[in-house]
N, C-alpha and C. Protein backbone atom coordinates (compact mmCIF):
# COMPACT_ATOMS: atom_id res chain seq x y z
N MET A 1 126.44 150.91 82.10
CA MET A 1 125.16 150.41 81.64
C MET A 1 124.27 151.61 81.32
N PRO A 2 123.70 151.62 80.12
CA PRO A 2 122.86 152.77 79.74
C PRO A 2 121.54 152.79 80.52
N LEU A 3 121.02 153.99 80.72
CA LEU A 3 119.74 154.15 81.41
C LEU A 3 118.61 153.69 80.51
N PRO A 4 117.55 153.15 81.10
CA PRO A 4 116.37 152.79 80.29
C PRO A 4 115.83 154.03 79.57
N GLU A 5 115.19 153.80 78.47
CA GLU A 5 114.70 154.89 77.63
C GLU A 5 113.75 155.82 78.37
N ILE A 6 112.92 155.27 79.24
CA ILE A 6 111.95 156.09 79.97
C ILE A 6 112.66 157.08 80.89
N LEU A 7 113.85 156.71 81.41
CA LEU A 7 114.58 157.60 82.30
C LEU A 7 115.39 158.64 81.54
N GLN A 8 115.70 158.38 80.29
CA GLN A 8 116.46 159.32 79.48
C GLN A 8 115.58 160.44 78.95
N SER A 9 114.31 160.16 78.77
CA SER A 9 113.41 161.17 78.20
C SER A 9 113.12 162.25 79.22
N LYS A 10 112.57 163.34 78.76
CA LYS A 10 112.23 164.46 79.65
C LYS A 10 110.76 164.36 80.05
N GLY A 11 110.24 163.15 80.11
CA GLY A 11 108.85 162.93 80.48
C GLY A 11 108.66 162.98 81.98
N PRO A 12 107.74 162.19 82.51
CA PRO A 12 107.45 162.19 83.94
C PRO A 12 108.69 161.80 84.76
N SER A 13 108.77 162.32 85.96
CA SER A 13 109.90 162.02 86.83
C SER A 13 109.82 160.58 87.33
N LEU A 14 110.95 160.09 87.78
CA LEU A 14 111.02 158.73 88.31
C LEU A 14 110.14 158.59 89.55
N THR A 15 110.12 159.61 90.40
CA THR A 15 109.29 159.59 91.60
C THR A 15 107.82 159.45 91.24
N PHE A 16 107.39 160.19 90.22
CA PHE A 16 106.00 160.11 89.78
C PHE A 16 105.68 158.71 89.28
N LEU A 17 106.58 158.15 88.46
CA LEU A 17 106.33 156.83 87.90
C LEU A 17 106.27 155.76 88.99
N LEU A 18 107.15 155.85 89.99
CA LEU A 18 107.13 154.88 91.07
C LEU A 18 105.88 155.00 91.92
N SER A 19 105.45 156.24 92.20
CA SER A 19 104.23 156.41 92.99
C SER A 19 103.02 155.92 92.21
N LEU A 20 103.02 156.12 90.90
CA LEU A 20 101.93 155.62 90.07
C LEU A 20 101.90 154.09 90.09
N ALA A 21 103.07 153.47 90.06
CA ALA A 21 103.14 152.00 90.11
C ALA A 21 102.60 151.48 91.43
N VAL A 22 102.88 152.17 92.52
CA VAL A 22 102.38 151.75 93.83
C VAL A 22 100.87 151.84 93.87
N VAL A 23 100.31 152.91 93.34
CA VAL A 23 98.85 153.09 93.33
C VAL A 23 98.20 152.01 92.48
N ILE A 24 98.77 151.71 91.34
CA ILE A 24 98.19 150.69 90.46
C ILE A 24 98.25 149.32 91.12
N MET A 25 99.36 149.01 91.78
CA MET A 25 99.49 147.71 92.43
C MET A 25 98.56 147.59 93.63
N ALA A 26 98.31 148.69 94.33
CA ALA A 26 97.50 148.64 95.54
C ALA A 26 96.01 148.66 95.24
N THR A 27 95.63 149.02 94.04
CA THR A 27 94.22 149.14 93.70
C THR A 27 93.67 147.76 93.37
N LYS A 28 92.68 147.34 94.14
CA LYS A 28 92.01 146.07 93.89
C LYS A 28 90.53 146.26 94.20
N THR A 29 89.70 145.76 93.33
CA THR A 29 88.27 145.87 93.55
C THR A 29 87.88 144.96 94.70
N ARG A 30 87.16 145.50 95.63
CA ARG A 30 86.71 144.71 96.77
C ARG A 30 85.29 144.26 96.53
N PHE A 31 85.05 142.98 96.74
CA PHE A 31 83.72 142.42 96.58
C PHE A 31 83.05 142.35 97.94
N VAL A 32 81.87 142.94 98.05
CA VAL A 32 81.09 142.86 99.28
C VAL A 32 80.20 141.63 99.15
N LEU A 33 80.41 140.67 100.02
CA LEU A 33 79.65 139.42 99.95
C LEU A 33 78.32 139.56 100.67
N ASP A 34 77.28 138.98 100.07
CA ASP A 34 75.98 139.01 100.74
C ASP A 34 75.99 137.99 101.88
N LEU A 35 74.94 138.00 102.66
CA LEU A 35 74.86 137.18 103.87
C LEU A 35 74.95 135.69 103.55
N ASN A 36 74.25 135.25 102.51
CA ASN A 36 74.30 133.83 102.13
C ASN A 36 75.72 133.38 101.79
N THR A 37 76.44 134.23 101.06
CA THR A 37 77.80 133.88 100.67
C THR A 37 78.73 133.85 101.87
N ARG A 38 78.51 134.77 102.82
CA ARG A 38 79.33 134.75 104.04
C ARG A 38 79.11 133.46 104.83
N VAL A 39 77.86 132.99 104.86
CA VAL A 39 77.57 131.71 105.53
C VAL A 39 78.26 130.57 104.79
N LYS A 40 78.30 130.63 103.47
CA LYS A 40 79.00 129.60 102.70
C LYS A 40 80.49 129.60 103.00
N VAL A 41 81.06 130.79 103.22
CA VAL A 41 82.48 130.89 103.59
C VAL A 41 82.70 130.19 104.93
N ILE A 42 81.82 130.44 105.88
CA ILE A 42 81.94 129.80 107.20
C ILE A 42 81.81 128.29 107.09
N HIS A 43 80.86 127.82 106.30
CA HIS A 43 80.68 126.37 106.12
C HIS A 43 81.88 125.75 105.41
N ALA A 44 82.44 126.47 104.44
CA ALA A 44 83.62 125.95 103.73
C ALA A 44 84.79 125.78 104.69
N SER A 45 84.88 126.68 105.64
CA SER A 45 85.97 126.61 106.61
C SER A 45 85.73 125.50 107.64
N GLU A 46 84.51 125.42 108.16
CA GLU A 46 84.24 124.48 109.24
C GLU A 46 83.88 123.08 108.76
N ARG A 47 82.94 122.98 107.86
CA ARG A 47 82.48 121.65 107.41
C ARG A 47 83.45 121.01 106.42
N ASP A 48 83.86 121.80 105.41
CA ASP A 48 84.71 121.26 104.35
C ASP A 48 86.18 121.30 104.70
N LYS A 49 86.51 121.97 105.82
CA LYS A 49 87.90 122.08 106.29
C LYS A 49 88.84 122.65 105.22
N LEU A 50 88.35 123.65 104.49
CA LEU A 50 89.19 124.29 103.48
C LEU A 50 90.09 125.33 104.15
N SER A 51 91.26 125.53 103.57
CA SER A 51 92.18 126.54 104.10
C SER A 51 91.71 127.93 103.66
N VAL A 52 92.26 128.94 104.29
CA VAL A 52 91.91 130.32 103.95
C VAL A 52 92.29 130.60 102.50
N LYS A 53 93.42 130.08 102.07
CA LYS A 53 93.87 130.29 100.69
C LYS A 53 92.88 129.68 99.69
N GLN A 54 92.37 128.49 99.99
CA GLN A 54 91.39 127.85 99.11
C GLN A 54 90.09 128.64 99.09
N ILE A 55 89.67 129.14 100.24
CA ILE A 55 88.44 129.95 100.32
C ILE A 55 88.61 131.25 99.54
N MET A 56 89.79 131.85 99.65
CA MET A 56 90.06 133.09 98.91
C MET A 56 89.87 132.88 97.42
N LYS A 57 90.41 131.78 96.90
CA LYS A 57 90.28 131.51 95.47
C LYS A 57 88.85 131.16 95.09
N MET A 58 88.18 130.40 95.95
CA MET A 58 86.82 129.95 95.65
C MET A 58 85.84 131.12 95.54
N PHE A 59 85.97 132.08 96.46
CA PHE A 59 85.02 133.19 96.51
C PHE A 59 85.58 134.50 95.94
N ASN A 60 86.83 134.46 95.49
CA ASN A 60 87.48 135.62 94.88
C ASN A 60 87.50 136.82 95.83
N VAL A 61 87.95 136.57 97.06
CA VAL A 61 88.05 137.62 98.07
C VAL A 61 89.45 137.58 98.67
N GLY A 62 89.78 138.59 99.45
CA GLY A 62 91.09 138.68 100.07
C GLY A 62 91.17 137.95 101.39
N LYS A 63 92.39 137.78 101.85
CA LYS A 63 92.66 137.06 103.09
C LYS A 63 92.01 137.76 104.29
N THR A 64 92.14 139.07 104.34
CA THR A 64 91.58 139.82 105.46
C THR A 64 90.07 139.66 105.53
N GLN A 65 89.42 139.68 104.37
CA GLN A 65 87.96 139.53 104.34
C GLN A 65 87.55 138.16 104.86
N VAL A 66 88.27 137.11 104.49
CA VAL A 66 87.95 135.77 104.98
C VAL A 66 88.13 135.71 106.50
N TYR A 67 89.26 136.25 106.99
CA TYR A 67 89.49 136.23 108.43
C TYR A 67 88.45 137.04 109.19
N GLU A 68 88.01 138.16 108.65
CA GLU A 68 86.97 138.97 109.30
C GLU A 68 85.65 138.21 109.37
N ILE A 69 85.32 137.49 108.31
CA ILE A 69 84.08 136.70 108.30
C ILE A 69 84.17 135.60 109.36
N LEU A 70 85.30 134.92 109.42
CA LEU A 70 85.45 133.84 110.40
C LEU A 70 85.48 134.37 111.83
N LYS A 71 86.02 135.57 112.01
CA LYS A 71 86.06 136.17 113.34
C LYS A 71 84.65 136.54 113.81
N LYS A 72 83.80 136.96 112.88
CA LYS A 72 82.44 137.40 113.22
C LYS A 72 81.40 136.32 112.91
N LYS A 73 81.81 135.06 112.90
CA LYS A 73 80.90 134.01 112.44
C LYS A 73 79.65 133.86 113.31
N THR A 74 79.75 134.03 114.63
CA THR A 74 78.55 133.89 115.46
C THR A 74 77.53 134.98 115.13
N GLU A 75 78.01 136.20 114.95
CA GLU A 75 77.11 137.30 114.59
C GLU A 75 76.48 137.07 113.21
N ILE A 76 77.29 136.61 112.26
CA ILE A 76 76.79 136.37 110.90
C ILE A 76 75.75 135.25 110.90
N LEU A 77 76.03 134.16 111.62
CA LEU A 77 75.09 133.04 111.66
C LEU A 77 73.78 133.42 112.36
N MET A 78 73.87 134.24 113.40
CA MET A 78 72.64 134.70 114.08
C MET A 78 71.82 135.57 113.14
N ARG A 79 72.46 136.48 112.42
CA ARG A 79 71.73 137.33 111.47
C ARG A 79 71.12 136.49 110.36
N TRP A 80 71.83 135.45 109.92
CA TRP A 80 71.34 134.59 108.85
C TRP A 80 70.11 133.80 109.30
N GLU A 81 70.10 133.31 110.55
CA GLU A 81 68.95 132.57 111.08
C GLU A 81 67.74 133.46 111.26
N ASN A 82 67.95 134.72 111.65
CA ASN A 82 66.84 135.64 111.91
C ASN A 82 66.35 136.37 110.67
N CYS A 83 67.09 136.32 109.60
CA CYS A 83 66.76 137.10 108.41
C CYS A 83 66.20 136.20 107.32
N ALA A 84 65.09 136.61 106.74
CA ALA A 84 64.50 135.83 105.65
C ALA A 84 65.22 136.12 104.33
N ASN A 85 65.78 137.32 104.19
CA ASN A 85 66.42 137.73 102.97
C ASN A 85 67.93 137.64 103.13
N GLY A 86 68.54 136.64 102.53
CA GLY A 86 69.99 136.45 102.64
C GLY A 86 70.76 137.27 101.65
N LYS A 87 70.08 138.11 100.88
CA LYS A 87 70.76 138.91 99.86
C LYS A 87 71.31 140.22 100.41
N ILE A 88 71.06 140.52 101.68
CA ILE A 88 71.55 141.78 102.22
C ILE A 88 73.08 141.72 102.31
N LYS A 89 73.70 142.86 102.12
CA LYS A 89 75.16 142.91 102.08
C LYS A 89 75.76 143.50 103.33
N ARG A 90 75.04 144.39 104.02
CA ARG A 90 75.63 145.02 105.22
C ARG A 90 74.62 145.10 106.32
């Protein structure tokens, strides 16, 4: 079986191309959700009984971010009740 054209050329090495592919696949823009949106995530989980996968799609965030929000829900809800400005991000 002949080698693919990219491997026959004297261009970048295979190691370089594979490492570049890993970097491209691992790069994802992370969205920092404001306080109001984090409360909406908690409500979607508790009131609407949505799964983590559904919440991920709804808010365009990753699984880890959803789980972190749900793990810190008491802290987030306390900050939301005490804060007049729900637009803060951190």
